[in-house]
PDB file of N, CA and C in Angstrom:
ATOM      1  N   MET A   1     111.838 100.186  67.483  1.00  0.00           N
ATOM      2  CA  MET A   1     112.367 100.441  68.806  1.00  0.00           C
ATOM      3  C   MET A   1     113.691 101.187  68.651  1.00  0.00           C
ATOM      4  N   THR A   2     113.855 102.309  69.264  1.00  0.00           N
ATOM      5  CA  THR A   2     115.053 103.121  69.154  1.00  0.00           C
ATOM      6  C   THR A   2     116.266 102.400  69.734  1.00  0.00           C
ATOM      7  N   GLY A   3     117.391 102.485  68.997  1.00  0.00           N
ATOM      8  CA  GLY A   3     118.636 101.889  69.481  1.00  0.00           C
ATOM      9  C   GLY A   3     118.759 100.400  69.221  1.00  0.00           C
ATOM     10  N   TYR A   4     117.752  99.807  68.620  1.00  0.00           N
ATOM     11  CA  TYR A   4     117.776  98.370  68.391  1.00  0.00           C
ATOM     12  C   TYR A   4     118.184  98.101  66.955  1.00  0.00           C
ATOM     13  N   VAL A   5     119.164  97.211  66.780  1.00  0.00           N
ATOM     14  CA  VAL A   5     119.630  96.833  65.452  1.00  0.00           C
ATOM     15  C   VAL A   5     119.026  95.485  65.110  1.00  0.00           C
ATOM     16  N   GLN A   6     118.286  95.422  64.024  1.00  0.00           N
ATOM     17  CA  GLN A   6     117.696  94.161  63.598  1.00  0.00           C
ATOM     18  C   GLN A   6     118.670  93.445  62.676  1.00  0.00           C
ATOM     19  N   HIS A   7     119.058  92.215  63.025  1.00  0.00           N
ATOM     20  CA  HIS A   7     119.965  91.435  62.199  1.00  0.00           C
ATOM     21  C   HIS A   7     119.177  90.697  61.135  1.00  0.00           C
ATOM     22  N   LYS A   8     119.723  90.661  59.924  1.00  0.00           N
ATOM     23  CA  LYS A   8     119.103  89.913  58.842  1.00  0.00           C
ATOM     24  C   LYS A   8     119.643  88.505  58.796  1.00  0.00           C
ATOM     25  N   ARG A   9     120.488  88.164  59.706  1.00  0.00           N
ATOM     26  CA  ARG A   9     121.066  86.824  59.770  1.00  0.00           C
ATOM     27  C   ARG A   9     120.621  86.160  61.068  1.00  0.00           C
ATOM     28  N   ASP A  10     120.604  84.863  61.038  1.00  0.00           N
ATOM     29  CA  ASP A  10     120.237  84.113  62.229  1.00  0.00           C
ATOM     30  C   ASP A  10     121.504  83.734  62.986  1.00  0.00           C
ATOM     31  N   PRO A  11     121.449  83.767  64.308  1.00  0.00           N
ATOM     32  CA  PRO A  11     122.637  83.344  65.061  1.00  0.00           C
ATOM     33  C   PRO A  11     122.825  81.829  64.961  1.00  0.00           C
ATOM     34  N   ALA A  12     124.075  81.407  65.016  1.00  0.00           N
ATOM     35  CA  ALA A  12     124.368  79.964  65.077  1.00  0.00           C
ATOM     36  C   ALA A  12     123.823  79.414  66.384  1.00  0.00           C
ATOM     37  N   ILE A  13     124.024  80.173  67.456  1.00  0.00           N
ATOM     38  CA  ILE A  13     123.450  79.830  68.762  1.00  0.00           C
ATOM     39  C   ILE A  13     123.102  81.115  69.507  1.00  0.00           C
ATOM     40  N   ARG A  14     122.191  80.981  70.438  1.00  0.00           N
ATOM     41  CA  ARG A  14     121.796  82.094  71.313  1.00  0.00           C
ATOM     42  C   ARG A  14     121.610  81.496  72.696  1.00  0.00           C
ATOM     43  N   VAL A  15     122.214  82.122  73.708  1.00  0.00           N
ATOM     44  CA  VAL A  15     122.143  81.580  75.062  1.00  0.00           C
ATOM     45  C   VAL A  15     121.876  82.687  76.076  1.00  0.00           C
ATOM     46  N   VAL A  16     121.314  82.275  77.202  1.00  0.00           N
ATOM     47  CA  VAL A  16     121.187  83.150  78.369  1.00  0.00           C
ATOM     48  C   VAL A  16     122.181  82.610  79.388  1.00  0.00           C
ATOM     49  N   LEU A  17     123.111  83.455  79.809  1.00  0.00           N
ATOM     50  CA  LEU A  17     124.147  83.004  80.728  1.00  0.00           C
ATOM     51  C   LEU A  17     123.702  83.190  82.180  1.00  0.00           C
ATOM     52  N   LEU A  18     124.106  82.238  83.007  1.00  0.00           N
ATOM     53  CA  LEU A  18     123.582  82.099  84.357  1.00  0.00           C
ATOM     54  C   LEU A  18     124.622  82.439  85.428  1.00  0.00           C
ATOM     55  N   PRO A  19     124.188  82.582  86.673  1.00  0.00           N
ATOM     56  CA  PRO A  19     125.135  82.908  87.753  1.00  0.00           C
ATOM     57  C   PRO A  19     126.307  81.922  87.864  1.00  0.00           C
ATOM     58  N   ARG A  20     126.087  80.647  87.520  1.00  0.00           N
ATOM     59  CA  ARG A  20     127.181  79.671  87.609  1.00  0.00           C
ATOM     60  C   ARG A  20     128.308  79.989  86.629  1.00  0.00           C
ATOM     61  N   ASP A  21     128.034  80.857  85.631  1.00  0.00           N
ATOM     62  CA  ASP A  21     129.008  81.194  84.589  1.00  0.00           C
ATOM     63  C   ASP A  21     129.827  82.440  84.912  1.00  0.00           C
ATOM     64  N   THR A  22     129.681  82.986  86.121  1.00  0.00           N
ATOM     65  CA  THR A  22     130.358  84.246  86.441  1.00  0.00           C
ATOM     66  C   THR A  22     131.760  84.040  87.004  1.00  0.00           C
ATOM     67  N   ASN A  23     132.579  85.067  86.781  1.00  0.00           N
ATOM     68  CA  ASN A  23     133.921  85.088  87.349  1.00  0.00           C
ATOM     69  C   ASN A  23     133.885  85.807  88.699  1.00  0.00           C
ATOM     70  N   SER A  24     135.031  86.048  89.273  1.00  0.00           N
ATOM     71  CA  SER A  24     135.094  86.683  90.597  1.00  0.00           C
ATOM     72  C   SER A  24     134.674  88.151  90.573  1.00  0.00           C
ATOM     73  N   ARG A  25     134.536  88.728  89.392  1.00  0.00           N
ATOM     74  CA  ARG A  25     134.123  90.133  89.263  1.00  0.00           C
ATOM     75  C   ARG A  25     132.616  90.262  89.024  1.00  0.00           C
ATOM     76  N   GLY A  26     131.934  89.114  88.944  1.00  0.00           N
ATOM     77  CA  GLY A  26     130.489  89.153  88.779  1.00  0.00           C
ATOM     78  C   GLY A  26     130.005  89.240  87.339  1.00  0.00           C
ATOM     79  N   THR A  27     130.932  89.158  86.394  1.00  0.00           N
ATOM     80  CA  THR A  27     130.542  89.116  84.987  1.00  0.00           C
ATOM     81  C   THR A  27     130.822  87.706  84.459  1.00  0.00           C
ATOM     82  N   ILE A  28     130.367  87.439  83.258  1.00  0.00           N
ATOM     83  CA  ILE A  28     130.517  86.097  82.697  1.00  0.00           C
ATOM     84  C   ILE A  28     131.993  85.810  82.425  1.00  0.00           C
ATOM     85  N   PHE A  29     132.437  84.653  82.862  1.00  0.00           N
ATOM     86  CA  PHE A  29     133.816  84.200  82.701  1.00  0.00           C
ATOM     87  C   PHE A  29     134.151  84.086  81.209  1.00  0.00           C
ATOM     88  N   GLY A  30     135.297  84.630  80.808  1.00  0.00           N
ATOM     89  CA  GLY A  30     135.706  84.619  79.411  1.00  0.00           C
ATOM     90  C   GLY A  30     135.770  83.226  78.817  1.00  0.00           C
ATOM     91  N   GLY A  31     136.159  82.241  79.607  1.00  0.00           N
ATOM     92  CA  GLY A  31     136.250  80.870  79.116  1.00  0.00           C
ATOM     93  C   GLY A  31     134.899  80.315  78.697  1.00  0.00           C
ATOM     94  N   ILE A  32     133.848  80.763  79.349  1.00  0.00           N
ATOM     95  CA  ILE A  32     132.493  80.344  78.965  1.00  0.00           C
ATOM     96  C   ILE A  32     132.181  80.884  77.568  1.00  0.00           C
ATOM     97  N   ILE A  33     132.504  82.161  77.340  1.00  0.00           N
ATOM     98  CA  ILE A  33     132.276  82.773  76.032  1.00  0.00           C
ATOM     99  C   ILE A  33     133.091  82.030  74.969  1.00  0.00           C
ATOM    100  N   LEU A  34     134.353  81.702  75.285  1.00  0.00           N
ATOM    101  CA  LEU A  34     135.200  80.986  74.333  1.00  0.00           C
ATOM    102  C   LEU A  34     134.601  79.633  73.956  1.00  0.00           C
ATOM    103  N   SER A  35     134.043  78.931  74.928  1.00  0.00           N
ATOM    104  CA  SER A  35     133.460  77.623  74.622  1.00  0.00           C
ATOM    105  C   SER A  35     132.248  77.761  73.696  1.00  0.00           C
ATOM    106  N   TYR A  36     131.453  78.812  73.884  1.00  0.00           N
ATOM    107  CA  TYR A  36     130.314  79.037  72.996  1.00  0.00           C
ATOM    108  C   TYR A  36     130.773  79.486  71.607  1.00  0.00           C
ATOM    109  N   ILE A  37     131.872  80.239  71.532  1.00  0.00           N
ATOM    110  CA  ILE A  37     132.438  80.603  70.229  1.00  0.00           C
ATOM    111  C   ILE A  37     132.818  79.331  69.473  1.00  0.00           C
ATOM    112  N   ASP A  38     133.460  78.405  70.159  1.00  0.00           N
ATOM    113  CA  ASP A  38     133.853  77.137  69.549  1.00  0.00           C
ATOM    114  C   ASP A  38     132.617  76.375  69.070  1.00  0.00           C
ATOM    115  N   LEU A  39     131.588  76.346  69.879  1.00  0.00           N
ATOM    116  CA  LEU A  39     130.349  75.660  69.516  1.00  0.00           C
ATOM    117  C   LEU A  39     129.693  76.321  68.299  1.00  0.00           C
ATOM    118  N   ALA A  40     129.631  77.641  68.276  1.00  0.00           N
ATOM    119  CA  ALA A  40     129.029  78.360  67.141  1.00  0.00           C
ATOM    120  C   ALA A  40     129.814  78.096  65.862  1.00  0.00           C
ATOM    121  N   GLY A  41     131.141  78.057  65.961  1.00  0.00           N
ATOM    122  CA  GLY A  41     131.959  77.736  64.797  1.00  0.00           C
ATOM    123  C   GLY A  41     131.687  76.334  64.303  1.00  0.00           C
ATOM    124  N   SER A  42     131.542  75.424  65.234  1.00  0.00           N
ATOM    125  CA  SER A  42     131.261  74.030  64.900  1.00  0.00           C
ATOM    126  C   SER A  42     129.907  73.889  64.196  1.00  0.00           C
ATOM    127  N   VAL A  43     128.930  74.649  64.632  1.00  0.00           N
ATOM    128  CA  VAL A  43     127.613  74.635  63.982  1.00  0.00           C
ATOM    129  C   VAL A  43     127.761  75.033  62.517  1.00  0.00           C
ATOM    130  N   GLU A  44     128.595  76.025  62.253  1.00  0.00           N
ATOM    131  CA  GLU A  44     128.783  76.501  60.879  1.00  0.00           C
ATOM    132  C   GLU A  44     129.487  75.448  60.028  1.00  0.00           C
ATOM    133  N   VAL A  45     130.498  74.795  60.571  1.00  0.00           N
ATOM    134  CA  VAL A  45     131.200  73.739  59.827  1.00  0.00           C
ATOM    135  C   VAL A  45     130.233  72.594  59.529  1.00  0.00           C
ATOM    136  N   GLY A  46     129.335  72.322  60.460  1.00  0.00           N
ATOM    137  CA  GLY A  46     128.346  71.270  60.259  1.00  0.00           C
ATOM    138  C   GLY A  46     127.412  71.527  59.090  1.00  0.00           C
ATOM    139  N   LYS A  47     127.366  72.765  58.601  1.00  0.00           N
ATOM    140  CA  LYS A  47     126.565  73.096  57.419  1.00  0.00           C
ATOM    141  C   LYS A  47     127.307  72.734  56.134  1.00  0.00           C
ATOM    142  N   VAL A  48     128.613  72.462  56.259  1.00  0.00           N
ATOM    143  CA  VAL A  48     129.459  72.155  55.109  1.00  0.00           C
ATOM    144  C   VAL A  48     129.672  70.657  54.957  1.00  0.00           C
ATOM    145  N   THR A  49     129.916  69.981  56.075  1.00  0.00           N
ATOM    146  CA  THR A  49     130.270  68.566  56.027  1.00  0.00           C
ATOM    147  C   THR A  49     129.734  67.815  57.235  1.00  0.00           C
ATOM    148  N   ARG A  50     129.526  66.525  57.044  1.00  0.00           N
ATOM    149  CA  ARG A  50     129.115  65.652  58.153  1.00  0.00           C
ATOM    150  C   ARG A  50     130.314  64.900  58.727  1.00  0.00           C
ATOM    151  N   GLN A  51     131.495  65.167  58.189  1.00  0.00           N
ATOM    152  CA  GLN A  51     132.708  64.492  58.655  1.00  0.00           C
ATOM    153  C   GLN A  51     133.017  64.855  60.101  1.00  0.00           C
ATOM    154  N   ARG A  52     133.884  64.059  60.684  1.00  0.00           N
ATOM    155  CA  ARG A  52     134.422  64.400  62.002  1.00  0.00           C
ATOM    156  C   ARG A  52     135.425  65.534  61.797  1.00  0.00           C
ATOM    157  N   TYR A  53     135.382  66.523  62.663  1.00  0.00           N
ATOM    158  CA  TYR A  53     136.341  67.628  62.576  1.00  0.00           C
ATOM    159  C   TYR A  53     136.690  68.081  63.982  1.00  0.00           C
ATOM    160  N   VAL A  54     137.848  68.714  64.081  1.00  0.00           N
ATOM    161  CA  VAL A  54     138.338  69.188  65.366  1.00  0.00           C
ATOM    162  C   VAL A  54     138.750  70.647  65.246  1.00  0.00           C
ATOM    163  N   THR A  55     138.679  71.359  66.348  1.00  0.00           N
ATOM    164  CA  THR A  55     139.147  72.740  66.394  1.00  0.00           C
ATOM    165  C   THR A  55     140.666  72.707  66.534  1.00  0.00           C
ATOM    166  N   VAL A  56     141.370  73.397  65.644  1.00  0.00           N
ATOM    167  CA  VAL A  56     142.832  73.426  65.749  1.00  0.00           C
ATOM    168  C   VAL A  56     143.370  74.806  66.088  1.00  0.00           C
ATOM    169  N   ALA A  57     142.572  75.845  65.870  1.00  0.00           N
ATOM    170  CA  ALA A  57     143.060  77.188  66.185  1.00  0.00           C
ATOM    171  C   ALA A  57     141.902  78.144  66.416  1.00  0.00           C
ATOM    172  N   MET A  58     142.149  79.083  67.311  1.00  0.00           N
ATOM    173  CA  MET A  58     141.250  80.206  67.534  1.00  0.00           C
ATOM    174  C   MET A  58     142.164  81.417  67.645  1.00  0.00           C
ATOM    175  N   LYS A  59     142.002  82.354  66.701  1.00  0.00           N
ATOM    176  CA  LYS A  59     142.856  83.533  66.717  1.00  0.00           C
ATOM    177  C   LYS A  59     142.501  84.419  67.906  1.00  0.00           C
ATOM    178  N   GLU A  60     143.326  85.385  68.129  1.00  0.00           N
ATOM    179  CA  GLU A  60     143.185  86.306  69.255  1.00  0.00           C
ATOM    180  C   GLU A  60     141.731  86.740  69.487  1.00  0.00           C
ATOM    181  N   VAL A  61     141.327  86.680  70.734  1.00  0.00           N
ATOM    182  CA  VAL A  61     139.990  87.113  71.138  1.00  0.00           C
ATOM    183  C   VAL A  61     140.165  88.263  72.121  1.00  0.00           C
ATOM    184  N   VAL A  62     139.626  89.414  71.768  1.00  0.00           N
ATOM    185  CA  VAL A  62     139.700  90.590  72.627  1.00  0.00           C
ATOM    186  C   VAL A  62     138.283  90.930  73.059  1.00  0.00           C
ATOM    187  N   PHE A  63     138.056  90.942  74.356  1.00  0.00           N
ATOM    188  CA  PHE A  63     136.729  91.252  74.879  1.00  0.00           C
ATOM    189  C   PHE A  63     136.573  92.768  74.952  1.00  0.00           C
ATOM    190  N   LYS A  64     135.569  93.278  74.226  1.00  0.00           N
ATOM    191  CA  LYS A  64     135.313  94.721  74.165  1.00  0.00           C
ATOM    192  C   LYS A  64     134.290  95.177  75.201  1.00  0.00           C
ATOM    193  N   ALA A  65     133.457  94.241  75.661  1.00  0.00           N
ATOM    194  CA  ALA A  65     132.427  94.577  76.643  1.00  0.00           C
ATOM    195  C   ALA A  65     132.135  93.340  77.482  1.00  0.00           C
ATOM    196  N   PRO A  66     131.805  93.532  78.748  1.00  0.00           N
ATOM    197  CA  PRO A  66     131.458  92.384  79.585  1.00  0.00           C
ATOM    198  C   PRO A  66     130.065  91.867  79.245  1.00  0.00           C
ATOM    199  N   VAL A  67     129.808  90.648  79.653  1.00  0.00           N
ATOM    200  CA  VAL A  67     128.472  90.063  79.550  1.00  0.00           C
ATOM    201  C   VAL A  67     127.980  89.862  80.972  1.00  0.00           C
ATOM    202  N   HIS A  68     126.744  90.251  81.221  1.00  0.00           N
ATOM    203  CA  HIS A  68     126.162  90.172  82.558  1.00  0.00           C
ATOM    204  C   HIS A  68     125.195  88.997  82.664  1.00  0.00           C
ATOM    205  N   VAL A  69     125.042  88.502  83.863  1.00  0.00           N
ATOM    206  CA  VAL A  69     124.120  87.401  84.121  1.00  0.00           C
ATOM    207  C   VAL A  69     122.733  87.763  83.599  1.00  0.00           C
ATOM    208  N   GLY A  70     122.112  86.813  82.909  1.00  0.00           N
ATOM    209  CA  GLY A  70     120.754  86.995  82.416  1.00  0.00           C
ATOM    210  C   GLY A  70     120.642  87.614  81.040  1.00  0.00           C
ATOM    211  N   GLU A  71     121.753  88.124  80.499  1.00  0.00           N
ATOM    212  CA  GLU A  71     121.693  88.708  79.162  1.00  0.00           C
ATOM    213  C   GLU A  71     121.620  87.600  78.106  1.00  0.00           C
ATOM    214  N   VAL A  72     120.913  87.887  77.030  1.00  0.00           N
ATOM    215  CA  VAL A  72     120.857  86.975  75.895  1.00  0.00           C
ATOM    216  C   VAL A  72     122.063  87.279  75.014  1.00  0.00           C
ATOM    217  N   VAL A  73     122.883  86.253  74.783  1.00  0.00           N
ATOM    218  CA  VAL A  73     124.097  86.422  73.985  1.00  0.00           C
ATOM    219  C   VAL A  73     123.919  85.655  72.675  1.00  0.00           C
ATOM    220  N   SER A  74     124.181  86.339  71.567  1.00  0.00           N
ATOM    221  CA  SER A  74     124.050  85.734  70.240  1.00  0.00           C
ATOM    222  C   SER A  74     125.425  85.550  69.624  1.00  0.00           C
ATOM    223  N   PHE A  75     125.612  84.402  68.991  1.00  0.00           N
ATOM    224  CA  PHE A  75     126.872  84.041  68.342  1.00  0.00           C
ATOM    225  C   PHE A  75     126.570  83.844  66.859  1.00  0.00           C
ATOM    226  N   TYR A  76     127.046  84.766  66.029  1.00  0.00           N
ATOM    227  CA  TYR A  76     126.818  84.731  64.586  1.00  0.00           C
ATOM    228  C   TYR A  76     128.062  84.166  63.908  1.00  0.00           C
ATOM    229  N   SER A  77     127.883  83.160  63.068  1.00  0.00           N
ATOM    230  CA  SER A  77     129.033  82.528  62.426  1.00  0.00           C
ATOM    231  C   SER A  77     128.898  82.560  60.909  1.00  0.00           C
ATOM    232  N   SER A  78     130.065  82.592  60.255  1.00  0.00           N
ATOM    233  CA  SER A  78     130.098  82.561  58.795  1.00  0.00           C
ATOM    234  C   SER A  78     131.392  81.904  58.333  1.00  0.00           C
ATOM    235  N   ILE A  79     131.318  81.229  57.197  1.00  0.00           N
ATOM    236  CA  ILE A  79     132.483  80.570  56.625  1.00  0.00           C
ATOM    237  C   ILE A  79     133.413  81.630  56.039  1.00  0.00           C
ATOM    238  N   LEU A  80     134.684  81.551  56.379  1.00  0.00           N
ATOM    239  CA  LEU A  80     135.688  82.421  55.780  1.00  0.00           C
ATOM    240  C   LEU A  80     136.350  81.745  54.587  1.00  0.00           C
ATOM    241  N   LYS A  81     136.693  80.461  54.767  1.00  0.00           N
ATOM    242  CA  LYS A  81     137.436  79.752  53.724  1.00  0.00           C
ATOM    243  C   LYS A  81     137.283  78.248  53.930  1.00  0.00           C
ATOM    244  N   ILE A  82     137.171  77.549  52.819  1.00  0.00           N
ATOM    245  CA  ILE A  82     137.206  76.089  52.857  1.00  0.00           C
ATOM    246  C   ILE A  82     138.475  75.670  52.131  1.00  0.00           C
ATOM    247  N   GLY A  83     139.381  75.052  52.881  1.00  0.00           N
ATOM    248  CA  GLY A  83     140.638  74.594  52.307  1.00  0.00           C
ATOM    249  C   GLY A  83     140.556  73.122  51.953  1.00  0.00           C
ATOM    250  N   ARG A  84     141.716  72.520  51.728  1.00  0.00           N
ATOM    251  CA  ARG A  84     141.747  71.102  51.369  1.00  0.00           C
ATOM    252  C   ARG A  84     141.271  70.230  52.521  1.00  0.00           C
ATOM    253  N   THR A  85     141.805  70.471  53.736  1.00  0.00           N
ATOM    254  CA  THR A  85     141.412  69.682  54.912  1.00  0.00           C
ATOM    255  C   THR A  85     140.765  70.539  56.001  1.00  0.00           C
ATOM    256  N   SER A  86     140.704  71.843  55.795  1.00  0.00           N
ATOM    257  CA  SER A  86     140.249  72.728  56.860  1.00  0.00           C
ATOM    258  C   SER A  86     139.100  73.631  56.442  1.00  0.00           C
ATOM    259  N   VAL A  87     138.410  74.109  57.449  1.00  0.00           N
ATOM    260  CA  VAL A  87     137.342  75.089  57.263  1.00  0.00           C
ATOM    261  C   VAL A  87     137.600  76.205  58.267  1.00  0.00           C
ATOM    262  N   SER A  88     137.685  77.445  57.774  1.00  0.00           N
ATOM    263  CA  SER A  88     137.877  78.611  58.648  1.00  0.00           C
ATOM    264  C   SER A  88     136.546  79.324  58.817  1.00  0.00           C
ATOM    265  N   VAL A  89     136.261  79.708  60.043  1.00  0.00           N
ATOM    266  CA  VAL A  89     134.973  80.301  60.395  1.00  0.00           C
ATOM    267  C   VAL A  89     135.192  81.577  61.200  1.00  0.00           C
ATOM    268  N   HIS A  90     134.359  82.578  60.963  1.00  0.00           N
ATOM    269  CA  HIS A  90     134.367  83.803  61.763  1.00  0.00           C
ATOM    270  C   HIS A  90     133.134  83.782  62.661  1.00  0.00           C
ATOM    271  N   VAL A  91     133.301  84.165  63.917  1.00  0.00           N
ATOM    272  CA  VAL A  91     132.188  84.227  64.873  1.00  0.00           C
ATOM    273  C   VAL A  91     132.158  85.613  65.516  1.00  0.00           C
ATOM    274  N   ASP A  92     131.006  86.277  65.434  1.00  0.00           N
ATOM    275  CA  ASP A  92     130.769  87.545  66.128  1.00  0.00           C
ATOM    276  C   ASP A  92     129.905  87.259  67.343  1.00  0.00           C
ATOM    277  N   VAL A  93     130.207  87.932  68.449  1.00  0.00           N
ATOM    278  CA  VAL A  93     129.459  87.743  69.689  1.00  0.00           C
ATOM    279  C   VAL A  93     128.844  89.081  70.090  1.00  0.00           C
ATOM    280  N   GLU A  94     127.526  89.066  70.289  1.00  0.00           N
ATOM    281  CA  GLU A  94     126.797  90.273  70.668  1.00  0.00           C
ATOM    282  C   GLU A  94     125.794  89.946  71.755  1.00  0.00           C
ATOM    283  N   THR A  95     125.468  90.943  72.545  1.00  0.00           N
ATOM    284  CA  THR A  95     124.427  90.768  73.548  1.00  0.00           C
ATOM    285  C   THR A  95     123.396  91.880  73.411  1.00  0.00           C
ATOM    286  N   ASP A  96     122.190  91.556  73.771  1.00  0.00           N
ATOM    287  CA  ASP A  96     121.110  92.535  73.768  1.00  0.00           C
ATOM    288  C   ASP A  96     121.115  93.188  75.146  1.00  0.00           C
ATOM    289  N   ARG A  97     121.498  94.448  75.181  1.00  0.00           N
ATOM    290  CA  ARG A  97     121.582  95.163  76.448  1.00  0.00           C
ATOM    291  C   ARG A  97     120.536  96.272  76.454  1.00  0.00           C
ATOM    292  N   ASN A  98     119.437  95.989  77.140  1.00  0.00           N
ATOM    293  CA  ASN A  98     118.347  96.969  77.261  1.00  0.00           C
ATOM    294  C   ASN A  98     117.828  97.424  75.900  1.00  0.00           C
ATOM    295  N   GLY A  99     117.671  96.477  74.966  1.00  0.00           N
ATOM    296  CA  GLY A  99     117.122  96.801  73.659  1.00  0.00           C
ATOM    297  C   GLY A  99     118.135  97.264  72.632  1.00  0.00           C
ATOM    298  N   ALA A 100     119.395  97.401  73.027  1.00  0.00           N
ATOM    299  CA  ALA A 100     120.443  97.803  72.087  1.00  0.00           C
ATOM    300  C   ALA A 100     121.447  96.660  71.952  1.00  0.00           C
ATOM    301  N   ILE A 101     121.986  96.488  70.753  1.00  0.00           N
ATOM    302  CA  ILE A 101     122.979  95.447  70.526  1.00  0.00           C
ATOM    303  C   ILE A 101     124.345  95.941  70.997  1.00  0.00           C
ATOM    304  N   CYS A 102     124.981  95.132  71.834  1.00  0.00           N
ATOM    305  CA  CYS A 102     126.301  95.459  72.365  1.00  0.00           C
ATOM    306  C   CYS A 102     127.306  94.439  71.831  1.00  0.00           C
ATOM    307  N   TYR A 103     128.314  94.921  71.099  1.00  0.00           N
ATOM    308  CA  TYR A 103     129.360  94.060  70.554  1.00  0.00           C
ATOM    309  C   TYR A 103     130.247  93.591  71.703  1.00  0.00           C
ATOM    310  N   VAL A 104     130.443  92.277  71.816  1.00  0.00           N
ATOM    311  CA  VAL A 104     131.258  91.707  72.891  1.00  0.00           C
ATOM    312  C   VAL A 104     132.644  91.324  72.392  1.00  0.00           C
ATOM    313  N   THR A 105     132.707  90.516  71.333  1.00  0.00           N
ATOM    314  CA  THR A 105     133.990  90.079  70.797  1.00  0.00           C
ATOM    315  C   THR A 105     133.764  89.362  69.474  1.00  0.00           C
ATOM    316  N   ALA A 106     134.848  88.916  68.868  1.00  0.00           N
ATOM    317  CA  ALA A 106     134.793  88.118  67.633  1.00  0.00           C
ATOM    318  C   ALA A 106     136.019  87.224  67.614  1.00  0.00           C
ATOM    319  N   ALA A 107     135.949  86.178  66.813  1.00  0.00           N
ATOM    320  CA  ALA A 107     137.087  85.269  66.679  1.00  0.00           C
ATOM    321  C   ALA A 107     137.039  84.572  65.332  1.00  0.00           C
ATOM    322  N   ASP A 108     138.226  84.225  64.850  1.00  0.00           N
ATOM    323  CA  ASP A 108     138.358  83.387  63.671  1.00  0.00           C
ATOM    324  C   ASP A 108     138.882  82.041  64.143  1.00  0.00           C
ATOM    325  N   LEU A 109     138.220  80.978  63.716  1.00  0.00           N
ATOM    326  CA  LEU A 109     138.587  79.623  64.119  1.00  0.00           C
ATOM    327  C   LEU A 109     138.927  78.789  62.896  1.00  0.00           C
ATOM    328  N   THR A 110     139.776  77.803  63.101  1.00  0.00           N
ATOM    329  CA  THR A 110     140.099  76.847  62.055  1.00  0.00           C
ATOM    330  C   THR A 110     139.774  75.459  62.562  1.00  0.00           C
ATOM    331  N   PHE A 111     139.003  74.739  61.770  1.00  0.00           N
ATOM    332  CA  PHE A 111     138.636  73.359  62.062  1.00  0.00           C
ATOM    333  C   PHE A 111     139.262  72.487  60.985  1.00  0.00           C
ATOM    334  N   VAL A 112     139.718  71.302  61.367  1.00  0.00           N
ATOM    335  CA  VAL A 112     140.305  70.366  60.413  1.00  0.00           C
ATOM    336  C   VAL A 112     139.507  69.074  60.433  1.00  0.00           C
ATOM    337  N   CYS A 113     139.160  68.579  59.242  1.00  0.00           N
ATOM    338  CA  CYS A 113     138.486  67.291  59.126  1.00  0.00           C
ATOM    339  C   CYS A 113     139.507  66.195  59.401  1.00  0.00           C
ATOM    340  N   VAL A 114     139.089  65.184  60.158  1.00  0.00           N
ATOM    341  CA  VAL A 114     140.000  64.096  60.511  1.00  0.00           C
ATOM    342  C   VAL A 114     139.344  62.751  60.237  1.00  0.00           C
ATOM    343  N   ASP A 115     140.210  61.757  59.984  1.00  0.00           N
ATOM    344  CA  ASP A 115     139.720  60.398  59.755  1.00  0.00           C
ATOM    345  C   ASP A 115     139.597  59.668  61.093  1.00  0.00           C
ATOM    346  N   ASP A 116     139.328  58.390  61.042  1.00  0.00           N
ATOM    347  CA  ASP A 116     139.146  57.597  62.263  1.00  0.00           C
ATOM    348  C   ASP A 116     140.399  57.513  63.123  1.00  0.00           C
ATOM    349  N   ASN A 117     141.562  57.808  62.521  1.00  0.00           N
ATOM    350  CA  ASN A 117     142.824  57.779  63.267  1.00  0.00           C
ATOM    351  C   ASN A 117     143.257  59.164  63.719  1.00  0.00           C
ATOM    352  N   GLY A 118     142.391  60.152  63.503  1.00  0.00           N
ATOM    353  CA  GLY A 118     142.705  61.513  63.930  1.00  0.00           C
ATOM    354  C   GLY A 118     143.635  62.250  62.974  1.00  0.00           C
ATOM    355  N   GLN A 119     143.828  61.704  61.772  1.00  0.00           N
ATOM    356  CA  GLN A 119     144.698  62.341  60.789  1.00  0.00           C
ATOM    357  C   GLN A 119     143.871  63.235  59.860  1.00  0.00           C
ATOM    358  N   PRO A 120     144.449  64.372  59.435  1.00  0.00           N
ATOM    359  CA  PRO A 120     143.723  65.263  58.522  1.00  0.00           C
ATOM    360  C   PRO A 120     143.289  64.525  57.254  1.00  0.00           C
ATOM    361  N   THR A 121     142.097  64.851  56.815  1.00  0.00           N
ATOM    362  CA  THR A 121     141.529  64.237  55.620  1.00  0.00           C
ATOM    363  C   THR A 121     140.819  65.334  54.815  1.00  0.00           C
ATOM    364  N   PRO A 122     140.746  65.202  53.513  1.00  0.00           N
ATOM    365  CA  PRO A 122     140.105  66.254  52.699  1.00  0.00           C
ATOM    366  C   PRO A 122     138.655  66.511  53.110  1.00  0.00           C
ATOM    367  N   VAL A 123     138.276  67.778  53.006  1.00  0.00           N
ATOM    368  CA  VAL A 123     136.901  68.183  53.286  1.00  0.00           C
ATOM    369  C   VAL A 123     135.991  67.614  52.196  1.00  0.00           C
ATOM    370  N   ILE A 124     134.928  66.966  52.623  1.00  0.00           N
ATOM    371  CA  ILE A 124     133.918  66.442  51.697  1.00  0.00           C
ATOM    372  C   ILE A 124     132.642  67.255  51.920  1.00  0.00           C
ATOM    373  N   HIS A 125     132.225  67.956  50.896  1.00  0.00           N
ATOM    374  CA  HIS A 125     130.990  68.750  50.979  1.00  0.00           C
ATOM    375  C   HIS A 125     129.815  67.802  50.831  1.00  0.00           C
ATOM    376  N   ASP A 126     129.260  67.360  51.945  1.00  0.00           N
ATOM    377  CA  ASP A 126     128.196  66.352  51.881  1.00  0.00           C
ATOM    378  C   ASP A 126     126.917  66.781  52.587  1.00  0.00           C
ATOM    379  N   VAL A 127     126.741  68.064  52.740  1.00  0.00           N
ATOM    380  CA  VAL A 127     125.515  68.554  53.384  1.00  0.00           C
ATOM    381  C   VAL A 127     124.667  69.257  52.357  1.00  0.00           C
TER     382      VAL A 127
END
């Protein structure tokens, strides 16, 4: 199919966004995209450890293209770094727009493993 990019990687998550997710301009609200970025990052960390972890940072997110109601949005995640107590993840966001892949945004997130008291604890590779 012309204009279609086939990914050799599987998305962490793929969603169809609905009218309830729109902002006042009729496109998908940025906060909805941010929440899915966080979820996609969390899916990737879950491949490393079964520990409890929390999101502590999300670097700058710049939206390059809007997302429209009904579009399928894919969130691709990959591990950037595993530290002593943290896991850094990169997430790319793309949508399929009429058979062509449209880059929406990307983000780098940092998750920290925590103990039962919410204190940082070393990452245990147990998956």
